[in-house]
């Protein structure tokens, strides 16, 4: 199974779990046609970076790492914060570093699939 096939499966899983498998609702939330989202979910159309970003914007509780790489769980959880401003700043810096690493991994995946 190719990386694109796996991405298509994760897109279909979002549609199923967060839109009740309803192409009309899924398409509305993404600003795409029903035909387009159906083709994405059925693997007839590859998932591009723009679609990935649309998905993350439309479904902010979906984990970026899960969507891009299948790592972790589909949904994120936001714990209550009791952190100090200095700790929050350190957490943001760590998150930025982690995202840079994820984008590097994504670049490797994309270059291998091209």
Protein backbone atom coordinates (compact mmCIF):
# COMPACT_ATOMS: atom_id res chain seq x y z
CA UNK A 1 0.00 0.00 0.00
CA UNK A 2 1.43 3.39 -1.00
CA UNK A 3 1.65 6.49 1.24
CA UNK A 4 -1.09 8.07 -0.91
CA UNK A 5 -3.38 5.08 -0.34
CA UNK A 6 -2.87 5.45 3.40
CA UNK A 7 -3.66 9.18 3.23
CA UNK A 8 -6.85 8.44 1.32
CA UNK A 9 -7.86 5.93 4.00
CA UNK A 10 -7.30 8.49 6.76
CA UNK A 11 -9.39 11.05 4.84
CA UNK A 12 -12.17 8.47 4.54
CA UNK A 13 -11.88 7.76 8.26
CA UNK A 14 -12.39 11.46 9.05
CA UNK A 15 -15.47 11.51 6.82
CA UNK A 16 -16.84 8.38 8.48
CA UNK A 17 -16.15 9.29 12.08
CA UNK A 18 -16.68 13.06 12.05
CA UNK A 19 -19.35 13.45 9.35
CA UNK A 20 -21.25 10.19 9.75
CA UNK A 21 -20.00 9.00 6.35
CA UNK A 22 -21.98 11.85 4.75
CA UNK A 23 -20.25 13.09 1.57
CA UNK A 24 -22.49 16.17 1.41
CA UNK A 25 -21.52 17.33 4.91
CA UNK A 26 -17.87 16.43 4.40
CA UNK A 27 -17.78 18.35 1.10
CA UNK A 28 -19.50 21.36 2.68
CA UNK A 29 -16.97 21.50 5.51
CA UNK A 30 -14.06 21.33 3.05
CA UNK A 31 -15.58 23.66 0.47
CA UNK A 32 -15.29 20.96 -2.20
CA UNK A 33 -17.78 19.09 -4.38
CA UNK A 34 -19.32 15.78 -3.28
CA UNK A 35 -17.71 14.14 -6.29
CA UNK A 36 -14.27 15.41 -5.29
CA UNK A 37 -14.50 14.17 -1.69
CA UNK A 38 -15.90 10.86 -2.89
CA UNK A 39 -12.90 10.45 -5.21
CA UNK A 40 -10.55 11.32 -2.33
CA UNK A 41 -12.14 8.79 0.00
CA UNK A 42 -12.24 6.07 -2.67
CA UNK A 43 -8.58 6.58 -3.62
CA UNK A 44 -9.34 7.81 -7.14
CA UNK A 45 -7.76 11.20 -6.39
CA UNK A 46 -4.52 11.71 -4.46
CA UNK A 47 -4.63 13.88 -1.36
CA UNK A 48 -2.58 17.03 -1.87
CA UNK A 49 -1.08 19.46 0.63
CA UNK A 50 -3.92 21.95 0.08
CA UNK A 51 -6.49 19.28 0.93
CA UNK A 52 -4.54 18.27 4.03
CA UNK A 53 -4.53 21.87 5.23
CA UNK A 54 -8.26 22.24 4.44
CA UNK A 55 -8.93 19.12 6.51
CA UNK A 56 -6.97 20.45 9.46
CA UNK A 57 -8.76 23.81 9.26
CA UNK A 58 -12.20 22.20 8.94
CA UNK A 59 -11.52 19.63 11.68
CA UNK A 60 -9.22 21.35 14.21
CA UNK A 61 -9.39 18.41 16.61
CA UNK A 62 -7.74 16.10 14.05
CA UNK A 63 -4.09 15.47 14.82
CA UNK A 64 -1.71 16.78 12.14
CA UNK A 65 0.75 13.99 12.87
CA UNK A 66 -1.96 11.34 12.51
CA UNK A 67 -3.29 12.88 9.29
CA UNK A 68 0.11 13.21 7.62
CA UNK A 69 1.81 10.06 8.93
CA UNK A 70 -0.75 7.88 10.72
CA UNK A 71 1.10 8.34 14.02
CA UNK A 72 -0.81 8.52 17.29
CA UNK A 73 -4.57 8.91 17.56
CA UNK A 74 -6.83 10.70 15.10
CA UNK A 75 -8.17 13.23 17.57
CA UNK A 76 -6.18 15.54 19.79
CA UNK A 77 -7.16 16.44 23.30
CA UNK A 78 -6.47 19.74 24.95
CA UNK A 79 -5.74 19.36 28.66
CA UNK A 80 -6.43 22.18 31.09
CA UNK A 81 -3.35 24.35 31.45
CA UNK A 82 -1.78 25.20 34.77
CA UNK A 83 1.53 26.18 33.18
CA UNK A 84 3.44 29.37 33.80
CA UNK A 85 4.07 31.75 30.89
CA UNK A 86 7.70 30.57 30.75
CA UNK A 87 6.56 26.93 30.52
CA UNK A 88 4.03 27.81 27.82
CA UNK A 89 6.78 29.55 25.83
CA UNK A 90 9.01 26.47 26.18
CA UNK A 91 6.12 24.24 25.08
CA UNK A 92 5.56 26.42 22.00
CA UNK A 93 9.26 26.22 21.15
CA UNK A 94 9.17 22.43 21.52
CA UNK A 95 6.07 22.24 19.33
CA UNK A 96 7.75 24.36 16.65
CA UNK A 97 10.77 22.03 16.66
CA UNK A 98 8.51 19.00 16.46
CA UNK A 99 6.56 20.47 13.53
CA UNK A 100 9.81 21.21 11.69
CA UNK A 101 10.76 17.54 12.12
CA UNK A 102 7.35 16.41 10.85
CA UNK A 103 7.62 18.60 7.76
CA UNK A 104 11.06 17.12 7.08
CA UNK A 105 9.56 13.62 7.30
CA UNK A 106 6.74 14.67 5.00
CA UNK A 107 9.21 16.01 2.44
CA UNK A 108 10.97 12.63 2.42
CA UNK A 109 7.63 10.81 1.94
CA UNK A 110 6.57 13.10 -0.88
CA UNK A 111 9.91 12.82 -2.68
CA UNK A 112 9.74 9.01 -2.46
CA UNK A 113 6.23 8.93 -3.92
CA UNK A 114 7.04 11.18 -6.87
